[in-house]
């Protein structure tokens, strides 16, 4: 196994290639043009009206990123001829992977003549593409960083406190690493099954208002699936909208919308790390693996500035404590004791149509209708978030004794004076 190349070495490997690209030495292959339907009015990033046809994803089935990283390893081990051969095969299979094209260009140059130093390029050429060069440097940085800094074995992001068996998958995005992690929920709990390079907002993370070109931070859910046939080619093979702004975002006064996970145009393979209007963007083959698996409405998506990983064993005391908290609310809800039930709610409660006093009237009707029957909570999901304050996002099915189904509710809890209080509750299904 070859060692990883040093950062100055592989960074330099990009420079000759990007300069060659800037003067047209490596033009991308032409793609047939087709007309696609317009994106829905709620879409958010400016998309060109005409688009190119989607490439066959079969040619990109082998992970292109893994192949590129293997090339870096070969370069670091001094095996440049093998690296060149693998780079040539990679760009043949994935011709629109620009970072791979640039590495191939530098490897070719190194075969033909010695470079004064890796990263050397004539000033007049280097000056023609400084911004694109910086973007490619950052992309290479992020890809290598994420593959070097692997999550601890068996660890999970701290936000995933409890997920029911009906939640088959979960997603977490680390904005600082430009990385998306896909988890599968099986008999042994959540397991990391894939992770992919991802692009976020031009101005980084922590979205606050419409048009700020930032990606939101928080706990979200996929709300639907948008087919590529209903979108322009700009969005690639499809899109998964998120429920931004969520109720906590609204409480903080955040605005905007139209935040999606989506793909790239068919004449591209990937975008630079900070290049979207707020969406999370993946290469089409990698987005396809997500589209094939996740279910709208039940799949949580955590977007964090930097993910913190912890083993389930270490979070078990917290999980039990929060499970008992939700169980306490259930018992109060079923007891018919309205005052006891109201003690779980924040004075600042608001669900968009009702304040706390109005919500008390709603709960009074629900408690009366319950008539002392047992109440079960099914498929309980508990997700945590912490920035300015501690937040819980709790989703469950509420089923009364004698009934087979009931309303699906979502609650947002926040800490007030050290105690958990519900500041939002609503029916979502």
Protein backbone atom coordinates (compact mmCIF):
# COMPACT_ATOMS: atom_id res chain seq x y z
CA UNK A 1 0.00 0.00 0.00
CA UNK A 2 1.49 3.31 -1.04
CA UNK A 3 1.72 6.19 1.37
CA UNK A 4 -0.35 9.32 0.99
CA UNK A 5 1.45 12.09 -0.90
CA UNK A 6 2.36 15.19 1.03
CA UNK A 7 -0.02 18.13 0.66
CA UNK A 8 2.36 20.39 -1.32
CA UNK A 9 2.99 17.52 -3.72
CA UNK A 10 -0.58 16.67 -4.65
CA UNK A 11 -1.65 20.29 -4.56
CA UNK A 12 1.07 21.06 -7.05
CA UNK A 13 -0.14 18.20 -9.19
CA UNK A 14 -3.19 20.29 -10.04
CA UNK A 15 -1.53 23.46 -11.20
CA UNK A 16 -0.21 22.55 -14.63
CA UNK A 17 -3.49 20.83 -15.43
CA UNK A 18 -5.67 23.73 -14.44
CA UNK A 19 -3.58 26.11 -16.50
CA UNK A 20 -3.84 23.81 -19.49
CA UNK A 21 -7.58 23.70 -19.01
CA UNK A 22 -7.72 27.48 -18.82
CA UNK A 23 -6.33 27.80 -22.34
CA UNK A 24 -8.52 25.08 -23.77
CA UNK A 25 -6.00 22.24 -23.89
CA UNK A 26 -8.44 19.88 -22.22
CA UNK A 27 -11.92 20.75 -23.44
CA UNK A 28 -14.65 18.47 -22.11
CA UNK A 29 -16.42 16.06 -24.43
CA UNK A 30 -19.54 17.42 -26.10
CA UNK A 31 -22.93 16.21 -24.92
CA UNK A 32 -26.17 15.97 -26.91
CA UNK A 33 -28.62 18.73 -26.06
CA UNK A 34 -32.19 18.00 -25.04
CA UNK A 35 -35.03 20.15 -23.74
CA UNK A 36 -36.14 19.43 -20.19
CA UNK A 37 -39.17 20.59 -18.25
CA UNK A 38 -38.88 23.69 -16.10
CA UNK A 39 -38.16 23.31 -12.40
CA UNK A 40 -41.02 23.88 -9.96
CA UNK A 41 -41.61 27.47 -8.93
CA UNK A 42 -40.33 26.71 -5.44
CA UNK A 43 -36.85 25.89 -6.67
CA UNK A 44 -34.10 28.10 -5.43
CA UNK A 45 -30.94 28.04 -7.51
CA UNK A 46 -30.83 29.82 -10.86
CA UNK A 47 -30.94 27.07 -13.49
CA UNK A 48 -30.24 27.45 -17.22
CA UNK A 49 -33.27 26.92 -19.46
CA UNK A 50 -31.55 24.44 -21.76
CA UNK A 51 -29.76 21.33 -20.56
CA UNK A 52 -27.69 18.36 -21.57
CA UNK A 53 -28.74 14.73 -21.50
CA UNK A 54 -27.78 12.63 -18.49
CA UNK A 55 -24.78 10.33 -19.03
CA UNK A 56 -25.13 6.61 -18.53
CA UNK A 57 -24.45 6.04 -14.85
CA UNK A 58 -23.22 2.51 -15.51
CA UNK A 59 -19.91 3.87 -16.81
CA UNK A 60 -19.41 5.57 -13.45
CA UNK A 61 -20.40 2.60 -11.29
CA UNK A 62 -16.96 2.15 -9.71
CA UNK A 63 -16.51 4.96 -7.16
CA UNK A 64 -14.61 7.63 -9.07
CA UNK A 65 -13.38 9.26 -5.88
CA UNK A 66 -11.85 6.02 -4.60
CA UNK A 67 -10.02 5.61 -7.90
CA UNK A 68 -8.68 9.16 -7.72
CA UNK A 69 -7.42 8.60 -4.20
CA UNK A 70 -5.65 5.44 -5.29
CA UNK A 71 -3.87 7.54 -7.93
CA UNK A 72 -2.72 9.93 -5.20
CA UNK A 73 -1.37 6.96 -3.23
CA UNK A 74 0.60 5.74 -6.24
CA UNK A 75 2.06 9.21 -6.77
CA UNK A 76 3.08 9.35 -3.12
CA UNK A 77 4.83 5.99 -3.52
CA UNK A 78 6.72 7.25 -6.58
CA UNK A 79 4.82 4.93 -8.96
CA UNK A 80 3.95 7.65 -11.45
CA UNK A 81 3.63 5.37 -14.48
CA UNK A 82 1.01 3.25 -12.73
CA UNK A 83 -0.67 6.43 -11.54
CA UNK A 84 -0.77 7.73 -15.12
CA UNK A 85 -2.30 4.49 -16.38
CA UNK A 86 -5.03 4.56 -13.73
CA UNK A 87 -5.67 8.27 -14.33
CA UNK A 88 -6.10 7.61 -18.05
CA UNK A 89 -8.61 4.83 -17.33
CA UNK A 90 -10.48 7.05 -14.87
CA UNK A 91 -10.96 9.97 -17.25
CA UNK A 92 -12.01 7.55 -19.97
CA UNK A 93 -14.75 6.16 -17.74
CA UNK A 94 -15.69 9.50 -16.16
CA UNK A 95 -14.66 12.18 -18.68
CA UNK A 96 -16.49 14.99 -16.85
CA UNK A 97 -14.58 14.48 -13.57
CA UNK A 98 -12.54 17.67 -13.89
CA UNK A 99 -10.30 17.09 -10.89
CA UNK A 100 -9.24 13.75 -12.37
CA UNK A 101 -8.63 15.40 -15.75
CA UNK A 102 -6.31 17.92 -14.15
CA UNK A 103 -4.33 15.28 -12.26
CA UNK A 104 -3.97 13.35 -15.51
CA UNK A 105 -2.66 16.47 -17.27
CA UNK A 106 0.05 17.00 -14.66
CA UNK A 107 1.04 13.33 -14.76
CA UNK A 108 1.41 13.58 -18.52
CA UNK A 109 3.56 16.68 -18.17
CA UNK A 110 5.75 14.97 -15.58
CA UNK A 111 6.32 12.07 -18.00
CA UNK A 112 7.42 14.37 -20.81
CA UNK A 113 9.71 16.70 -18.91
CA UNK A 114 10.83 17.26 -15.33
CA UNK A 115 8.98 20.03 -13.58
CA UNK A 116 11.21 22.55 -11.73
CA UNK A 117 9.01 21.79 -8.74
CA UNK A 118 5.59 20.27 -8.28
CA UNK A 119 3.19 23.16 -8.58
CA UNK A 120 5.42 25.15 -10.89
CA UNK A 121 3.66 26.85 -13.78
CA UNK A 122 4.50 29.86 -15.92
CA UNK A 123 3.15 33.01 -14.35
CA UNK A 124 1.13 33.97 -17.42
CA UNK A 125 -0.70 30.62 -17.40
CA UNK A 126 -1.24 30.47 -13.65
CA UNK A 127 -2.71 33.97 -13.70
CA UNK A 128 -5.44 32.90 -16.13
CA UNK A 129 -7.26 30.58 -13.74
CA UNK A 130 -6.48 31.51 -10.12
CA UNK A 131 -10.05 31.17 -8.85
CA UNK A 132 -10.65 27.79 -10.46
CA UNK A 133 -7.29 26.60 -9.19
CA UNK A 134 -8.25 27.57 -5.64
CA UNK A 135 -11.55 25.71 -6.00
CA UNK A 136 -9.82 22.56 -7.20
CA UNK A 137 -7.26 22.79 -4.41
CA UNK A 138 -10.08 22.99 -1.91
CA UNK A 139 -11.93 20.08 -3.51
CA UNK A 140 -8.79 17.93 -3.36
CA UNK A 141 -8.24 19.03 0.26
CA UNK A 142 -11.76 18.04 1.29
CA UNK A 143 -11.76 14.70 -0.50
CA UNK A 144 -8.44 13.68 1.05
CA UNK A 145 -9.29 15.05 4.49
CA UNK A 146 -12.54 13.11 4.70
CA UNK A 147 -10.93 9.88 3.56
CA UNK A 148 -8.04 10.28 5.96
CA UNK A 149 -10.16 11.32 8.94
CA UNK A 150 -12.57 8.40 9.03
CA UNK A 151 -15.31 8.30 11.69
CA UNK A 152 -14.47 6.01 14.62
CA UNK A 153 -15.62 2.44 14.07
CA UNK A 154 -19.19 1.97 15.28
CA UNK A 155 -19.63 5.65 16.19
CA UNK A 156 -22.59 7.81 15.18
CA UNK A 157 -23.25 11.56 15.03
CA UNK A 158 -24.46 12.78 18.42
CA UNK A 159 -27.74 14.03 16.93
CA UNK A 160 -29.06 10.49 16.33
CA UNK A 161 -30.44 9.67 19.79
CA UNK A 162 -33.17 7.15 18.94
CA UNK A 163 -34.63 6.00 15.63
CA UNK A 164 -37.40 3.39 15.23
CA UNK A 165 -37.12 0.35 12.93
CA UNK A 166 -39.51 2.06 10.51
CA UNK A 167 -36.83 4.68 9.83
CA UNK A 168 -34.70 2.72 7.38
CA UNK A 169 -32.04 5.34 6.68
CA UNK A 170 -30.55 8.54 8.07
CA UNK A 171 -28.22 11.15 6.59
CA UNK A 172 -25.65 13.43 8.19
CA UNK A 173 -23.69 16.21 6.48
CA UNK A 174 -20.41 17.61 7.82
CA UNK A 175 -20.10 21.06 6.25
CA UNK A 176 -16.46 21.50 7.32
CA UNK A 177 -15.46 18.34 5.45
CA UNK A 178 -17.85 18.72 2.48
CA UNK A 179 -19.02 15.22 3.32
CA UNK A 180 -22.37 13.43 3.38
CA UNK A 181 -22.76 10.21 5.40
CA UNK A 182 -25.51 7.67 4.70
CA UNK A 183 -26.65 5.30 7.47
CA UNK A 184 -28.81 2.20 7.31
CA UNK A 185 -31.00 1.23 10.26
CA UNK A 186 -31.02 -2.54 10.78
CA UNK A 187 -31.29 -5.13 13.55
CA UNK A 188 -28.11 -3.80 15.15
CA UNK A 189 -29.07 -0.13 14.88
CA UNK A 190 -27.59 2.52 12.62
CA UNK A 191 -24.63 1.49 10.48
CA UNK A 192 -22.59 3.76 8.21
CA UNK A 193 -22.95 2.30 4.70
CA UNK A 194 -21.61 5.07 2.44
CA UNK A 195 -20.16 8.57 2.46
CA UNK A 196 -19.79 11.03 -0.39
CA UNK A 197 -18.18 14.35 -1.27
CA UNK A 198 -20.82 17.10 -1.21
CA UNK A 199 -20.94 20.79 -2.12
CA UNK A 200 -22.62 23.40 0.10
CA UNK A 201 -23.39 27.14 -0.02
CA UNK A 202 -21.07 29.68 -1.63
CA UNK A 203 -20.81 31.56 1.66
CA UNK A 204 -20.64 28.47 3.82
CA UNK A 205 -23.13 27.19 6.40
CA UNK A 206 -25.64 28.57 8.93
CA UNK A 207 -28.38 29.97 6.72
CA UNK A 208 -30.37 32.85 8.20
CA UNK A 209 -32.37 34.48 5.42
CA UNK A 210 -33.54 34.12 1.84
CA UNK A 211 -30.76 34.54 -0.70
CA UNK A 212 -27.80 34.50 1.71
CA UNK A 213 -26.17 31.63 -0.24
CA UNK A 214 -25.62 29.59 2.90
CA UNK A 215 -26.57 26.02 3.75
CA UNK A 216 -28.76 25.67 6.86
CA UNK A 217 -27.55 23.94 10.00
CA UNK A 218 -29.96 21.79 11.94
CA UNK A 219 -32.14 18.68 12.02
CA UNK A 220 -34.38 18.22 9.00
CA UNK A 221 -36.47 15.62 7.20
CA UNK A 222 -36.74 14.78 3.52
CA UNK A 223 -40.24 15.87 2.52
CA UNK A 224 -40.58 14.48 -1.01
CA UNK A 225 -38.78 13.18 -4.08
CA UNK A 226 -38.55 15.23 -7.30
CA UNK A 227 -38.11 13.26 -10.51
CA UNK A 228 -35.49 14.44 -13.00
CA UNK A 229 -38.16 14.59 -15.72
CA UNK A 230 -39.81 17.46 -13.85
CA UNK A 231 -36.57 19.42 -13.41
CA UNK A 232 -34.05 21.15 -15.61
CA UNK A 233 -30.74 19.38 -16.18
CA UNK A 234 -29.17 21.77 -13.67
CA UNK A 235 -30.46 19.54 -10.84
CA UNK A 236 -29.07 16.32 -12.28
CA UNK A 237 -30.87 13.02 -11.78
CA UNK A 238 -33.32 14.26 -9.16
CA UNK A 239 -33.80 16.11 -5.89
CA UNK A 240 -34.84 15.53 -2.29
CA UNK A 241 -36.33 18.67 -0.68
CA UNK A 242 -35.81 19.29 3.05
CA UNK A 243 -38.22 20.89 5.53
CA UNK A 244 -36.16 24.06 5.95
CA UNK A 245 -37.08 26.24 7.73
CA UNK A 246 -38.09 23.87 10.51
CA UNK A 247 -39.98 25.03 13.58
CA UNK A 248 -36.82 25.87 15.49
CA UNK A 249 -35.57 27.92 12.53
CA UNK A 250 -38.86 29.83 12.49
CA UNK A 251 -38.57 30.48 16.20
CA UNK A 252 -35.18 32.09 15.50
CA UNK A 253 -36.66 34.20 12.70
CA UNK A 254 -34.86 32.42 9.89
CA UNK A 255 -36.32 32.74 6.39
CA UNK A 256 -35.87 31.25 2.95
CA UNK A 257 -36.68 27.84 1.57
CA UNK A 258 -36.12 25.51 -1.34
CA UNK A 259 -33.20 23.66 0.27
CA UNK A 260 -32.66 20.37 -1.54
CA UNK A 261 -30.24 17.52 -1.87
CA UNK A 262 -29.72 17.30 -5.63
CA UNK A 263 -27.36 16.30 -8.42
CA UNK A 264 -25.27 18.13 -11.01
CA UNK A 265 -25.77 18.89 -14.72
CA UNK A 266 -25.03 16.00 -17.06
CA UNK A 267 -21.91 17.68 -18.46
CA UNK A 268 -20.40 17.85 -14.94
CA UNK A 269 -19.26 15.33 -12.36
CA UNK A 270 -18.98 17.49 -9.22
CA UNK A 271 -19.09 21.09 -8.04
CA UNK A 272 -16.51 22.87 -5.92
CA UNK A 273 -16.98 22.66 -2.13
CA UNK A 274 -18.63 26.08 -1.72
CA UNK A 275 -20.62 26.68 -4.89
CA UNK A 276 -24.37 26.35 -4.28
CA UNK A 277 -27.08 28.80 -3.27
CA UNK A 278 -27.65 26.77 -0.10
CA UNK A 279 -28.42 23.26 -1.32
CA UNK A 280 -26.34 20.14 -0.69
CA UNK A 281 -25.14 18.90 -4.09
CA UNK A 282 -23.69 15.49 -4.95
CA UNK A 283 -22.35 13.77 -8.04
CA UNK A 284 -25.16 12.05 -9.92
CA UNK A 285 -23.95 8.45 -9.38
CA UNK A 286 -23.67 9.10 -5.65
CA UNK A 287 -27.05 10.81 -5.43
CA UNK A 288 -28.53 7.80 -7.22
CA UNK A 289 -27.47 5.51 -4.36
CA UNK A 290 -29.40 7.78 -2.00
CA UNK A 291 -32.46 8.09 -4.24
CA UNK A 292 -32.59 4.29 -4.46
CA UNK A 293 -32.72 3.91 -0.68
CA UNK A 294 -34.26 6.74 1.29
CA UNK A 295 -37.93 7.27 2.02
CA UNK A 296 -39.41 10.78 2.10
CA UNK A 297 -41.01 11.94 5.37
CA UNK A 298 -39.23 9.35 7.54
CA UNK A 299 -35.58 10.03 6.65
CA UNK A 300 -33.83 12.55 8.91
CA UNK A 301 -31.03 14.75 7.57
CA UNK A 302 -28.64 16.37 10.04
CA UNK A 303 -26.48 19.21 8.70
CA UNK A 304 -23.74 20.25 11.13
CA UNK A 305 -20.83 22.62 10.89
CA UNK A 306 -18.69 19.77 12.20
CA UNK A 307 -20.08 16.37 13.19
CA UNK A 308 -19.19 14.96 16.58
CA UNK A 309 -19.09 11.16 16.72
CA UNK A 310 -19.86 8.98 19.73
CA UNK A 311 -20.54 5.28 20.31
CA UNK A 312 -24.13 4.23 21.15
CA UNK A 313 -22.90 2.76 24.43
CA UNK A 314 -21.78 6.18 25.65
CA UNK A 315 -25.09 7.81 24.74
CA UNK A 316 -27.28 5.09 26.27
CA UNK A 317 -27.81 6.98 29.58
CA UNK A 318 -28.91 10.08 27.64
CA UNK A 319 -31.21 7.98 25.44
CA UNK A 320 -32.88 6.37 28.46
CA UNK A 321 -33.31 9.74 30.17
CA UNK A 322 -34.96 11.30 27.13
CA UNK A 323 -37.08 8.23 26.52
CA UNK A 324 -38.35 8.57 30.10
CA UNK A 325 -39.08 12.26 29.44
CA UNK A 326 -41.29 11.40 26.45
CA UNK A 327 -42.90 8.58 28.42
CA UNK A 328 -43.76 11.09 31.15
CA UNK A 329 -45.55 13.24 28.59
CA UNK A 330 -47.46 10.17 27.31
CA UNK A 331 -48.62 9.22 30.79
CA UNK A 332 -49.77 12.80 31.45
CA UNK A 333 -51.57 12.90 28.10
CA UNK A 334 -53.43 9.67 28.85
CA UNK A 335 -54.21 10.52 32.48
CA UNK A 336 -56.80 13.17 31.76
CA UNK A 337 -55.05 15.56 34.15
CA UNK A 338 -54.82 18.73 32.07
CA UNK A 339 -52.69 20.69 34.53
CA UNK A 340 -50.17 17.87 34.70
CA UNK A 341 -50.06 17.73 30.90
CA UNK A 342 -49.64 21.50 30.55
CA UNK A 343 -46.55 21.40 32.79
CA UNK A 344 -44.66 19.92 29.83
CA UNK A 345 -45.32 22.98 27.62
CA UNK A 346 -43.34 26.20 27.34
CA UNK A 347 -44.97 29.59 28.06
CA UNK A 348 -43.57 30.56 24.64
CA UNK A 349 -45.40 27.69 22.91
CA UNK A 350 -46.60 28.49 19.38
CA UNK A 351 -47.44 26.18 16.51
CA UNK A 352 -48.22 28.72 13.83
CA UNK A 353 -51.94 29.00 14.58
CA UNK A 354 -52.19 28.76 18.37
CA UNK A 355 -50.41 30.22 21.38
CA UNK A 356 -50.22 28.40 24.73
CA UNK A 357 -53.71 29.43 25.94
CA UNK A 358 -55.31 28.38 22.67
CA UNK A 359 -53.31 25.15 22.70
CA UNK A 360 -54.62 24.41 26.19
CA UNK A 361 -58.14 24.48 24.78
CA UNK A 362 -57.11 22.09 22.02
CA UNK A 363 -55.52 19.69 24.50
CA UNK A 364 -58.60 19.89 26.73
CA UNK A 365 -60.74 18.62 23.85
CA UNK A 366 -58.26 15.86 23.06
CA UNK A 367 -58.08 14.74 26.70
CA UNK A 368 -61.89 14.69 26.90
CA UNK A 369 -62.11 12.58 23.75
CA UNK A 370 -59.49 10.21 25.14
CA UNK A 371 -61.87 9.32 28.01
CA UNK A 372 -59.15 7.68 30.04
CA UNK A 373 -58.26 5.14 27.36
CA UNK A 374 -54.66 3.95 27.19
CA UNK A 375 -52.43 5.81 24.77
CA UNK A 376 -49.46 4.34 22.94
CA UNK A 377 -46.63 6.12 21.16
CA UNK A 378 -45.35 4.16 18.17
CA UNK A 379 -42.23 4.56 16.05
CA UNK A 380 -40.68 7.18 18.33
CA UNK A 381 -37.76 9.10 16.80
CA UNK A 382 -35.63 11.40 18.98
CA UNK A 383 -33.08 13.70 17.36
CA UNK A 384 -30.94 16.22 19.21
CA UNK A 385 -29.48 19.57 18.25
CA UNK A 386 -27.31 22.04 20.13
CA UNK A 387 -26.20 25.54 19.16
CA UNK A 388 -27.63 28.51 21.02
CA UNK A 389 -29.67 26.10 23.14
CA UNK A 390 -30.47 22.40 23.51
CA UNK A 391 -33.20 21.16 21.16
CA UNK A 392 -35.04 17.86 20.70
CA UNK A 393 -37.05 16.92 17.62
CA UNK A 394 -39.45 14.12 18.57
CA UNK A 395 -41.69 12.33 16.07
CA UNK A 396 -44.19 9.58 16.91
CA UNK A 397 -47.49 7.96 16.04
CA UNK A 398 -50.19 8.54 18.66
CA UNK A 399 -52.52 5.52 18.90
CA UNK A 400 -55.35 5.18 21.41
CA UNK A 401 -56.40 1.85 22.86
CA UNK A 402 -58.78 0.06 20.50
CA UNK A 403 -57.46 1.84 17.41
CA UNK A 404 -54.97 0.53 14.85
CA UNK A 405 -53.68 3.89 13.63
CA UNK A 406 -53.58 7.47 14.78
CA UNK A 407 -52.08 10.87 14.09
CA UNK A 408 -48.36 11.26 13.45
CA UNK A 409 -47.09 14.16 15.54
CA UNK A 410 -43.86 16.09 15.80
CA UNK A 411 -42.73 18.02 18.86
CA UNK A 412 -39.87 20.46 19.34
CA UNK A 413 -38.51 20.61 22.88
CA UNK A 414 -36.12 23.21 24.29
CA UNK A 415 -34.44 23.64 27.66
CA UNK A 416 -35.80 26.44 29.83
CA UNK A 417 -34.29 26.89 33.28
CA UNK A 418 -32.68 23.49 32.95
CA UNK A 419 -36.01 21.74 32.21
CA UNK A 420 -37.23 20.36 28.89
CA UNK A 421 -40.35 22.13 27.58
CA UNK A 422 -42.36 21.71 24.37
CA UNK A 423 -42.42 24.90 22.29
CA UNK A 424 -44.04 23.38 19.20
CA UNK A 425 -46.38 20.46 18.54
CA UNK A 426 -48.23 19.62 15.37
CA UNK A 427 -49.73 16.82 13.30
CA UNK A 428 -47.63 15.91 10.26
CA UNK A 429 -49.53 12.86 9.03
